[in-house]
Amino acid sequence: MLRIFSYLPNPRVWKSLIAGRLSGVEVETRGAKPNELSQWLWDFDARRLAASEQDAGSANARTGRRGFAGLLFKTDAFLAAHPFGTVPAAYSPDGRIGIFESNSILRAVARAGNDSAQLYGTNDYEASRIDSFLDAGLVFAREAQVYLLGVADVTEEGYDRMAAAYEFYLAGVEAALAEGDYLAGDTLSIADISFVCDFAQFLREGHYEEQLSAKGFALISENGASKYQRSFDHMLELSERPEFAEVMGTYVNWYRRKAEAK
């Protein structure tokens, strides 16, 4: 069993939940909506704090930095296990080892899972090729996070930077899928799982179409389904598989309806 503390729902955590379903690993999540995590104790045994425990004088009180402003409550043990102090924050079953960054947590699930699932390849070279896609995906996901969080105030420079990252990443994914049904081999791997979750999250830009239009920008993904048909089809097809759909729910249904309406 692997435990993850995070804001929820979180597409980055979905990666590990999907992999767990496919490989037989129990993945437990704890957390709440982003604006509620200031009321939680950040720890292996994360829990919602009573009002009386939310005291600036607490030994666990910390000043939020990346992604969270204001007062947070993190134990010393949490910070020892997670030196960057961020979420999602995963732990080994005994709580002694902290694992951070969503793709590293995803790798941990795949390593702990049934070998028959082959989510991390069958040898070191296949695993390294999968790592290549995971690393490329992290670069794209980081740019997407900055873009989506700041879309209300996006500048031409920021928009162009995201567009360039999108074109570069999708071109690579499209080229890989031209060679087979999956990104990193003949079977589904964690490279595909990571792609589906990160790309589905990026497509949320469609919710900000009016805001972007008011600034003179079109959706970066506007014509993507025709230009990168394999990539879009891959995301949509996998998201309908039970192991994905049970985790992602209706997250991409709005995009399906929009695509069908064209």
C-alpha atoms as a PDB file:
ATOM      1  CA  MET A   1       0.000   0.000   0.000  1.00  0.00           C
ATOM      2  CA  LEU A   2       1.212   3.468  -0.908  1.00  0.00           C
ATOM      3  CA  ARG A   3      -0.266   6.580   0.720  1.00  0.00           C
ATOM      4  CA  ILE A   4      -0.528   9.991  -0.938  1.00  0.00           C
ATOM      5  CA  PHE A   5      -1.379  13.317   0.696  1.00  0.00           C
ATOM      6  CA  SER A   6      -2.467  16.034  -1.734  1.00  0.00           C
ATOM      7  CA  TYR A   7      -5.099  18.518  -2.707  1.00  0.00           C
ATOM      8  CA  LEU A   8      -7.966  16.612  -4.294  1.00  0.00           C
ATOM      9  CA  PRO A   9      -9.037  16.027  -6.976  1.00  0.00           C
ATOM     10  CA  ASN A  10      -5.627  16.149  -8.601  1.00  0.00           C
ATOM     11  CA  PRO A  11      -4.907  14.777 -12.108  1.00  0.00           C
ATOM     12  CA  ARG A  12      -1.292  14.276 -11.058  1.00  0.00           C
ATOM     13  CA  VAL A  13      -2.434  11.863  -8.360  1.00  0.00           C
ATOM     14  CA  TRP A  14      -4.705  10.112 -10.853  1.00  0.00           C
ATOM     15  CA  LYS A  15      -1.584   8.721 -12.513  1.00  0.00           C
ATOM     16  CA  SER A  16      -0.762   6.583  -9.487  1.00  0.00           C
ATOM     17  CA  LEU A  17      -4.378   5.596  -8.859  1.00  0.00           C
ATOM     18  CA  ILE A  18      -4.715   4.329 -12.430  1.00  0.00           C
ATOM     19  CA  ALA A  19      -1.407   2.468 -12.261  1.00  0.00           C
ATOM     20  CA  GLY A  20      -2.471   0.942  -8.973  1.00  0.00           C
ATOM     21  CA  ARG A  21      -5.655  -0.413 -10.509  1.00  0.00           C
ATOM     22  CA  LEU A  22      -3.724  -1.903 -13.412  1.00  0.00           C
ATOM     23  CA  SER A  23      -0.943  -3.443 -11.322  1.00  0.00           C
ATOM     24  CA  GLY A  24      -2.746  -4.510  -8.161  1.00  0.00           C
ATOM     25  CA  VAL A  25      -1.246  -1.900  -5.814  1.00  0.00           C
ATOM     26  CA  GLU A  26      -3.446  -0.260  -3.195  1.00  0.00           C
ATOM     27  CA  VAL A  27      -3.046   3.508  -3.339  1.00  0.00           C
ATOM     28  CA  GLU A  28      -4.650   5.467  -0.509  1.00  0.00           C
ATOM     29  CA  THR A  29      -5.269   9.191  -0.837  1.00  0.00           C
ATOM     30  CA  ARG A  30      -5.797  11.745   1.899  1.00  0.00           C
ATOM     31  CA  GLY A  31      -6.525  15.423   1.470  1.00  0.00           C
ATOM     32  CA  ALA A  32      -9.102  18.016   0.536  1.00  0.00           C
ATOM     33  CA  LYS A  33      -9.731  20.886  -1.852  1.00  0.00           C
ATOM     34  CA  PRO A  34      -6.738  23.225  -2.312  1.00  0.00           C
ATOM     35  CA  ASN A  35      -8.237  26.019  -0.212  1.00  0.00           C
ATOM     36  CA  GLU A  36      -8.814  23.586   2.651  1.00  0.00           C
ATOM     37  CA  LEU A  37      -5.295  22.179   3.012  1.00  0.00           C
ATOM     38  CA  SER A  38      -4.338  25.011   5.365  1.00  0.00           C
ATOM     39  CA  GLN A  39      -6.662  23.325   7.840  1.00  0.00           C
ATOM     40  CA  TRP A  40      -4.835  20.000   7.593  1.00  0.00           C
ATOM     41  CA  LEU A  41      -1.785  18.556   9.298  1.00  0.00           C
ATOM     42  CA  TRP A  42       0.732  17.751   6.567  1.00  0.00           C
ATOM     43  CA  ASP A  43       2.090  14.391   7.688  1.00  0.00           C
ATOM     44  CA  PHE A  44       2.093  10.652   6.950  1.00  0.00           C
ATOM     45  CA  ASP A  45      -0.954  10.533   9.216  1.00  0.00           C
ATOM     46  CA  ALA A  46      -2.455  13.620   7.583  1.00  0.00           C
ATOM     47  CA  ARG A  47      -5.724  14.763   9.112  1.00  0.00           C
ATOM     48  CA  ARG A  48      -7.992  17.764   9.337  1.00  0.00           C
ATOM     49  CA  LEU A  49      -7.066  19.893  12.326  1.00  0.00           C
ATOM     50  CA  ALA A  50      -9.517  21.078  14.928  1.00  0.00           C
ATOM     51  CA  ALA A  51      -9.954  24.849  15.056  1.00  0.00           C
ATOM     52  CA  SER A  52      -8.061  24.937  18.360  1.00  0.00           C
ATOM     53  CA  GLU A  53      -5.044  23.297  16.690  1.00  0.00           C
ATOM     54  CA  GLN A  54      -4.775  25.885  13.914  1.00  0.00           C
ATOM     55  CA  ASP A  55      -2.558  28.177  15.961  1.00  0.00           C
ATOM     56  CA  ALA A  56       0.300  30.288  14.594  1.00  0.00           C
ATOM     57  CA  GLY A  57       2.226  29.351  17.723  1.00  0.00           C
ATOM     58  CA  SER A  58       2.079  25.640  16.931  1.00  0.00           C
ATOM     59  CA  ALA A  59       5.380  23.812  16.478  1.00  0.00           C
ATOM     60  CA  ASN A  60       4.027  22.653  13.115  1.00  0.00           C
ATOM     61  CA  ALA A  61       3.141  26.135  11.834  1.00  0.00           C
ATOM     62  CA  ARG A  62       4.963  27.099   8.631  1.00  0.00           C
ATOM     63  CA  THR A  63       4.689  29.919   6.131  1.00  0.00           C
ATOM     64  CA  GLY A  64       3.302  28.681   2.832  1.00  0.00           C
ATOM     65  CA  ARG A  65       5.480  29.241  -0.200  1.00  0.00           C
ATOM     66  CA  ARG A  66       5.066  27.517  -3.544  1.00  0.00           C
ATOM     67  CA  GLY A  67       1.409  27.186  -4.481  1.00  0.00           C
ATOM     68  CA  PHE A  68       0.042  27.899  -1.005  1.00  0.00           C
ATOM     69  CA  ALA A  69       0.115  31.276   0.731  1.00  0.00           C
ATOM     70  CA  GLY A  70      -0.456  31.941   4.400  1.00  0.00           C
ATOM     71  CA  LEU A  71      -0.154  29.564   7.328  1.00  0.00           C
ATOM     72  CA  LEU A  72       0.286  25.816   6.879  1.00  0.00           C
ATOM     73  CA  PHE A  73       0.878  23.048   9.394  1.00  0.00           C
ATOM     74  CA  LYS A  74       3.688  20.657   8.479  1.00  0.00           C
ATOM     75  CA  THR A  75       5.361  18.263  10.892  1.00  0.00           C
ATOM     76  CA  ASP A  76       9.140  17.962  11.106  1.00  0.00           C
ATOM     77  CA  ALA A  77       8.731  14.369   9.921  1.00  0.00           C
ATOM     78  CA  PHE A  78       6.859  15.560   6.843  1.00  0.00           C
ATOM     79  CA  LEU A  79       9.637  17.995   5.933  1.00  0.00           C
ATOM     80  CA  ALA A  80      12.298  15.337   6.530  1.00  0.00           C
ATOM     81  CA  ALA A  81      10.492  12.990   4.149  1.00  0.00           C
ATOM     82  CA  HIS A  82       9.586  15.764   1.701  1.00  0.00           C
ATOM     83  CA  PRO A  83      12.380  18.355   1.765  1.00  0.00           C
ATOM     84  CA  PHE A  84      10.708  20.571  -0.843  1.00  0.00           C
ATOM     85  CA  GLY A  85       7.550  20.623   1.256  1.00  0.00           C
ATOM     86  CA  THR A  86       5.171  20.170  -1.670  1.00  0.00           C
ATOM     87  CA  VAL A  87       2.219  17.983  -2.582  1.00  0.00           C
ATOM     88  CA  PRO A  88       1.434  15.428  -3.828  1.00  0.00           C
ATOM     89  CA  ALA A  89       3.445  13.785  -1.082  1.00  0.00           C
ATOM     90  CA  ALA A  90       3.642   9.986  -1.102  1.00  0.00           C
ATOM     91  CA  TYR A  91       4.960   7.562   1.480  1.00  0.00           C
ATOM     92  CA  SER A  92       6.143   3.994   1.650  1.00  0.00           C
ATOM     93  CA  PRO A  93       3.737   1.746   3.602  1.00  0.00           C
ATOM     94  CA  ASP A  94       5.612   2.280   6.873  1.00  0.00           C
ATOM     95  CA  GLY A  95       5.740   6.053   6.411  1.00  0.00           C
ATOM     96  CA  ARG A  96       9.526   6.156   6.602  1.00  0.00           C
ATOM     97  CA  ILE A  97      10.301   7.047   2.980  1.00  0.00           C
ATOM     98  CA  GLY A  98       8.831  10.073   1.249  1.00  0.00           C
ATOM     99  CA  ILE A  99       8.360  10.154  -2.520  1.00  0.00           C
ATOM    100  CA  PHE A 100       7.635  13.418  -4.322  1.00  0.00           C
ATOM    101  CA  GLU A 101       6.874  14.582  -7.870  1.00  0.00           C
ATOM    102  CA  SER A 102       3.942  12.849  -9.532  1.00  0.00           C
ATOM    103  CA  ASN A 103       5.936  10.836 -12.049  1.00  0.00           C
ATOM    104  CA  SER A 104       8.266   9.517  -9.347  1.00  0.00           C
ATOM    105  CA  ILE A 105       5.239   8.437  -7.327  1.00  0.00           C
ATOM    106  CA  LEU A 106       3.896   6.805 -10.490  1.00  0.00           C
ATOM    107  CA  ARG A 107       7.161   4.922 -10.929  1.00  0.00           C
ATOM    108  CA  ALA A 108       6.992   3.698  -7.326  1.00  0.00           C
ATOM    109  CA  VAL A 109       3.541   2.225  -7.922  1.00  0.00           C
ATOM    110  CA  ALA A 110       4.685   0.496 -11.117  1.00  0.00           C
ATOM    111  CA  ARG A 111       7.737  -0.975  -9.366  1.00  0.00           C
ATOM    112  CA  ALA A 112       5.594  -2.271  -6.520  1.00  0.00           C
ATOM    113  CA  GLY A 113       2.986  -3.769  -8.849  1.00  0.00           C
ATOM    114  CA  ASN A 114       2.553  -7.111 -10.526  1.00  0.00           C
ATOM    115  CA  ASP A 115       5.294  -7.880 -13.024  1.00  0.00           C
ATOM    116  CA  SER A 116       2.649  -9.202 -15.406  1.00  0.00           C
ATOM    117  CA  ALA A 117       1.321  -5.660 -15.887  1.00  0.00           C
ATOM    118  CA  GLN A 118       4.665  -4.598 -17.414  1.00  0.00           C
ATOM    119  CA  LEU A 119       3.812  -0.955 -16.817  1.00  0.00           C
ATOM    120  CA  TYR A 120       7.497  -0.098 -16.488  1.00  0.00           C
ATOM    121  CA  GLY A 121       8.759  -2.235 -19.360  1.00  0.00           C
ATOM    122  CA  THR A 122      10.442  -5.632 -19.295  1.00  0.00           C
ATOM    123  CA  ASN A 123      14.091  -4.573 -19.038  1.00  0.00           C
ATOM    124  CA  ASP A 124      16.262  -1.614 -18.082  1.00  0.00           C
ATOM    125  CA  TYR A 125      16.353  -0.179 -21.599  1.00  0.00           C
ATOM    126  CA  GLU A 126      12.582  -0.231 -21.968  1.00  0.00           C
ATOM    127  CA  ALA A 127      12.276   1.373 -18.534  1.00  0.00           C
ATOM    128  CA  SER A 128      14.712   4.090 -19.575  1.00  0.00           C
ATOM    129  CA  ARG A 129      12.724   4.808 -22.735  1.00  0.00           C
ATOM    130  CA  ILE A 130       9.612   5.127 -20.580  1.00  0.00           C
ATOM    131  CA  ASP A 131      11.560   7.503 -18.330  1.00  0.00           C
ATOM    132  CA  SER A 132      12.338   9.624 -21.380  1.00  0.00           C
ATOM    133  CA  PHE A 133       8.638  10.192 -22.027  1.00  0.00           C
ATOM    134  CA  LEU A 134       7.989  10.868 -18.355  1.00  0.00           C
ATOM    135  CA  ASP A 135      10.734  13.487 -18.228  1.00  0.00           C
ATOM    136  CA  ALA A 136       9.535  15.169 -21.432  1.00  0.00           C
ATOM    137  CA  GLY A 137       6.027  15.175 -20.006  1.00  0.00           C
ATOM    138  CA  LEU A 138       7.168  16.916 -16.837  1.00  0.00           C
ATOM    139  CA  VAL A 139       8.589  19.809 -18.855  1.00  0.00           C
ATOM    140  CA  PHE A 140       5.264  20.181 -20.669  1.00  0.00           C
ATOM    141  CA  ALA A 141       3.240  19.803 -17.454  1.00  0.00           C
ATOM    142  CA  ARG A 142       5.273  22.485 -15.696  1.00  0.00           C
ATOM    143  CA  GLU A 143       4.665  24.978 -18.508  1.00  0.00           C
ATOM    144  CA  ALA A 144       0.975  24.043 -18.518  1.00  0.00           C
ATOM    145  CA  GLN A 145       0.676  24.582 -14.778  1.00  0.00           C
ATOM    146  CA  VAL A 146       2.123  28.096 -15.005  1.00  0.00           C
ATOM    147  CA  TYR A 147      -0.082  28.888 -18.001  1.00  0.00           C
ATOM    148  CA  LEU A 148      -3.343  27.614 -16.500  1.00  0.00           C
ATOM    149  CA  LEU A 149      -2.806  29.178 -13.090  1.00  0.00           C
ATOM    150  CA  GLY A 150      -2.034  32.542 -14.668  1.00  0.00           C
ATOM    151  CA  VAL A 151      -4.363  32.443 -17.640  1.00  0.00           C
ATOM    152  CA  ALA A 152      -6.350  35.467 -16.419  1.00  0.00           C
ATOM    153  CA  ASP A 153      -3.211  37.614 -16.679  1.00  0.00           C
ATOM    154  CA  VAL A 154      -1.365  35.785 -19.442  1.00  0.00           C
ATOM    155  CA  THR A 155       1.008  37.906 -21.502  1.00  0.00           C
ATOM    156  CA  GLU A 156       1.973  37.435 -25.128  1.00  0.00           C
ATOM    157  CA  GLU A 157       5.319  36.103 -23.953  1.00  0.00           C
ATOM    158  CA  GLY A 158       3.674  33.587 -21.628  1.00  0.00           C
ATOM    159  CA  TYR A 159       1.196  32.512 -24.277  1.00  0.00           C
ATOM    160  CA  ASP A 160       3.930  32.017 -26.893  1.00  0.00           C
ATOM    161  CA  ARG A 161       6.020  30.029 -24.420  1.00  0.00           C
ATOM    162  CA  MET A 162       3.114  27.675 -23.715  1.00  0.00           C
ATOM    163  CA  ALA A 163       2.309  27.346 -27.417  1.00  0.00           C
ATOM    164  CA  ALA A 164       5.912  26.390 -28.157  1.00  0.00           C
ATOM    165  CA  ALA A 165       5.945  23.795 -25.359  1.00  0.00           C
ATOM    166  CA  TYR A 166       2.637  22.376 -26.617  1.00  0.00           C
ATOM    167  CA  GLU A 167       3.844  22.084 -30.223  1.00  0.00           C
ATOM    168  CA  PHE A 168       7.133  20.487 -29.207  1.00  0.00           C
ATOM    169  CA  TYR A 169       5.553  17.948 -26.866  1.00  0.00           C
ATOM    170  CA  LEU A 170       2.636  16.965 -29.110  1.00  0.00           C
ATOM    171  CA  ALA A 171       4.927  16.592 -32.130  1.00  0.00           C
ATOM    172  CA  GLY A 172       6.992  14.054 -30.198  1.00  0.00           C
ATOM    173  CA  VAL A 173       3.953  12.170 -28.918  1.00  0.00           C
ATOM    174  CA  GLU A 174       2.475  12.123 -32.419  1.00  0.00           C
ATOM    175  CA  ALA A 175       5.687  10.729 -33.879  1.00  0.00           C
ATOM    176  CA  ALA A 176       5.830   7.973 -31.254  1.00  0.00           C
ATOM    177  CA  LEU A 177       2.219   6.962 -31.840  1.00  0.00           C
ATOM    178  CA  ALA A 178       2.868   6.773 -35.582  1.00  0.00           C
ATOM    179  CA  GLU A 179       5.082   3.774 -34.779  1.00  0.00           C
ATOM    180  CA  GLY A 180       2.574   1.856 -32.645  1.00  0.00           C
ATOM    181  CA  ASP A 181      -0.458   1.917 -30.404  1.00  0.00           C
ATOM    182  CA  TYR A 182       1.430   3.025 -27.298  1.00  0.00           C
ATOM    183  CA  LEU A 183       4.100   5.592 -26.540  1.00  0.00           C
ATOM    184  CA  ALA A 184       6.983   3.428 -25.370  1.00  0.00           C
ATOM    185  CA  GLY A 185       6.478  -0.052 -26.755  1.00  0.00           C
ATOM    186  CA  ASP A 186       3.896  -2.620 -27.723  1.00  0.00           C
ATOM    187  CA  THR A 187       1.904  -2.447 -24.481  1.00  0.00           C
ATOM    188  CA  LEU A 188       0.422   0.153 -22.188  1.00  0.00           C
ATOM    189  CA  SER A 189       2.993   1.709 -19.849  1.00  0.00           C
ATOM    190  CA  ILE A 190       3.197   4.449 -17.278  1.00  0.00           C
ATOM    191  CA  ALA A 191       4.326   6.726 -20.117  1.00  0.00           C
ATOM    192  CA  ASP A 192       0.803   6.483 -21.540  1.00  0.00           C
ATOM    193  CA  ILE A 193      -0.809   6.931 -18.127  1.00  0.00           C
ATOM    194  CA  SER A 194       1.188  10.071 -17.428  1.00  0.00           C
ATOM    195  CA  PHE A 195       0.435  11.492 -20.861  1.00  0.00           C
ATOM    196  CA  VAL A 196      -3.315  10.998 -20.504  1.00  0.00           C
ATOM    197  CA  CYS A 197      -3.497  12.724 -17.108  1.00  0.00           C
ATOM    198  CA  ASP A 198      -1.181  15.627 -17.945  1.00  0.00           C
ATOM    199  CA  PHE A 199      -2.703  16.288 -21.355  1.00  0.00           C
ATOM    200  CA  ALA A 200      -6.284  16.045 -20.104  1.00  0.00           C
ATOM    201  CA  GLN A 201      -5.395  18.627 -17.475  1.00  0.00           C
ATOM    202  CA  PHE A 202      -3.910  20.965 -20.083  1.00  0.00           C
ATOM    203  CA  LEU A 203      -7.128  20.799 -22.122  1.00  0.00           C
ATOM    204  CA  ARG A 204      -8.780  22.650 -19.244  1.00  0.00           C
ATOM    205  CA  GLU A 205      -7.657  25.760 -21.100  1.00  0.00           C
ATOM    206  CA  GLY A 206     -10.929  25.327 -22.975  1.00  0.00           C
ATOM    207  CA  HIS A 207     -12.726  26.557 -19.866  1.00  0.00           C
ATOM    208  CA  TYR A 208     -10.936  29.893 -20.300  1.00  0.00           C
ATOM    209  CA  GLU A 209     -11.734  30.424 -23.974  1.00  0.00           C
ATOM    210  CA  GLU A 210     -13.626  33.676 -23.400  1.00  0.00           C
ATOM    211  CA  GLN A 211     -10.896  35.109 -21.179  1.00  0.00           C
ATOM    212  CA  LEU A 212      -8.226  34.292 -23.741  1.00  0.00           C
ATOM    213  CA  SER A 213     -10.322  35.670 -26.593  1.00  0.00           C
ATOM    214  CA  ALA A 214     -10.766  38.951 -24.714  1.00  0.00           C
ATOM    215  CA  LYS A 215      -6.972  39.267 -24.678  1.00  0.00           C
ATOM    216  CA  GLY A 216      -6.705  38.450 -28.370  1.00  0.00           C
ATOM    217  CA  PHE A 217      -5.586  34.841 -27.968  1.00  0.00           C
ATOM    218  CA  ALA A 218      -7.085  31.680 -29.440  1.00  0.00           C
ATOM    219  CA  LEU A 219      -7.011  28.364 -27.616  1.00  0.00           C
ATOM    220  CA  ILE A 220      -3.617  26.764 -28.106  1.00  0.00           C
ATOM    221  CA  SER A 221      -5.369  23.418 -28.489  1.00  0.00           C
ATOM    222  CA  GLU A 222      -8.043  24.788 -30.855  1.00  0.00           C
ATOM    223  CA  ASN A 223      -7.043  22.790 -33.959  1.00  0.00           C
ATOM    224  CA  GLY A 224      -5.077  20.138 -32.161  1.00  0.00           C
ATOM    225  CA  ALA A 225      -7.446  17.271 -32.832  1.00  0.00           C
ATOM    226  CA  SER A 226      -6.786  17.580 -36.559  1.00  0.00           C
ATOM    227  CA  LYS A 227      -3.102  18.424 -36.391  1.00  0.00           C
ATOM    228  CA  TYR A 228      -2.286  15.854 -33.702  1.00  0.00           C
ATOM    229  CA  GLN A 229      -5.060  13.344 -34.274  1.00  0.00           C
ATOM    230  CA  ARG A 230      -3.184  10.336 -32.892  1.00  0.00           C
ATOM    231  CA  SER A 231      -2.371  12.149 -29.652  1.00  0.00           C
ATOM    232  CA  PHE A 232      -5.932  13.352 -29.049  1.00  0.00           C
ATOM    233  CA  ASP A 233      -7.402   9.970 -29.979  1.00  0.00           C
ATOM    234  CA  HIS A 234      -4.935   8.207 -27.671  1.00  0.00           C
ATOM    235  CA  MET A 235      -5.948  10.358 -24.721  1.00  0.00           C
ATOM    236  CA  LEU A 236      -9.667   9.951 -25.387  1.00  0.00           C
ATOM    237  CA  GLU A 237      -9.487   6.207 -26.019  1.00  0.00           C
ATOM    238  CA  LEU A 238      -7.488   5.442 -22.886  1.00  0.00           C
ATOM    239  CA  SER A 239      -9.637   7.710 -20.736  1.00  0.00           C
ATOM    240  CA  GLU A 240     -12.616   5.492 -21.576  1.00  0.00           C
ATOM    241  CA  ARG A 241     -10.975   2.291 -20.314  1.00  0.00           C
ATOM    242  CA  PRO A 242     -12.404   1.218 -16.951  1.00  0.00           C
ATOM    243  CA  GLU A 243      -9.184   1.677 -14.985  1.00  0.00           C
ATOM    244  CA  PHE A 244      -8.913   5.248 -16.264  1.00  0.00           C
ATOM    245  CA  ALA A 245     -12.601   6.143 -16.243  1.00  0.00           C
ATOM    246  CA  GLU A 246     -13.052   4.982 -12.633  1.00  0.00           C
ATOM    247  CA  VAL A 247     -10.443   7.557 -11.588  1.00  0.00           C
ATOM    248  CA  MET A 248     -10.961  10.392 -14.075  1.00  0.00           C
ATOM    249  CA  GLY A 249     -14.743  10.299 -13.986  1.00  0.00           C
ATOM    250  CA  THR A 250     -16.304  12.899 -16.284  1.00  0.00           C
ATOM    251  CA  TYR A 251     -13.216  15.121 -16.423  1.00  0.00           C
ATOM    252  CA  VAL A 252     -12.879  15.098 -20.236  1.00  0.00           C
ATOM    253  CA  ASN A 253     -16.561  14.725 -21.131  1.00  0.00           C
ATOM    254  CA  TRP A 254     -16.876  18.452 -21.777  1.00  0.00           C
ATOM    255  CA  TYR A 255     -14.100  18.189 -24.358  1.00  0.00           C
ATOM    256  CA  ARG A 256     -15.752  15.205 -26.035  1.00  0.00           C
ATOM    257  CA  ARG A 257     -19.013  17.152 -26.333  1.00  0.00           C
ATOM    258  CA  LYS A 258     -17.192  20.142 -27.789  1.00  0.00           C
ATOM    259  CA  ALA A 259     -15.343  17.982 -30.319  1.00  0.00           C
ATOM    260  CA  GLU A 260     -18.527  16.201 -31.371  1.00  0.00           C
ATOM    261  CA  ALA A 261     -20.308  19.525 -31.866  1.00  0.00           C
ATOM    262  CA  LYS A 262     -17.834  20.663 -34.513  1.00  0.00           C
END
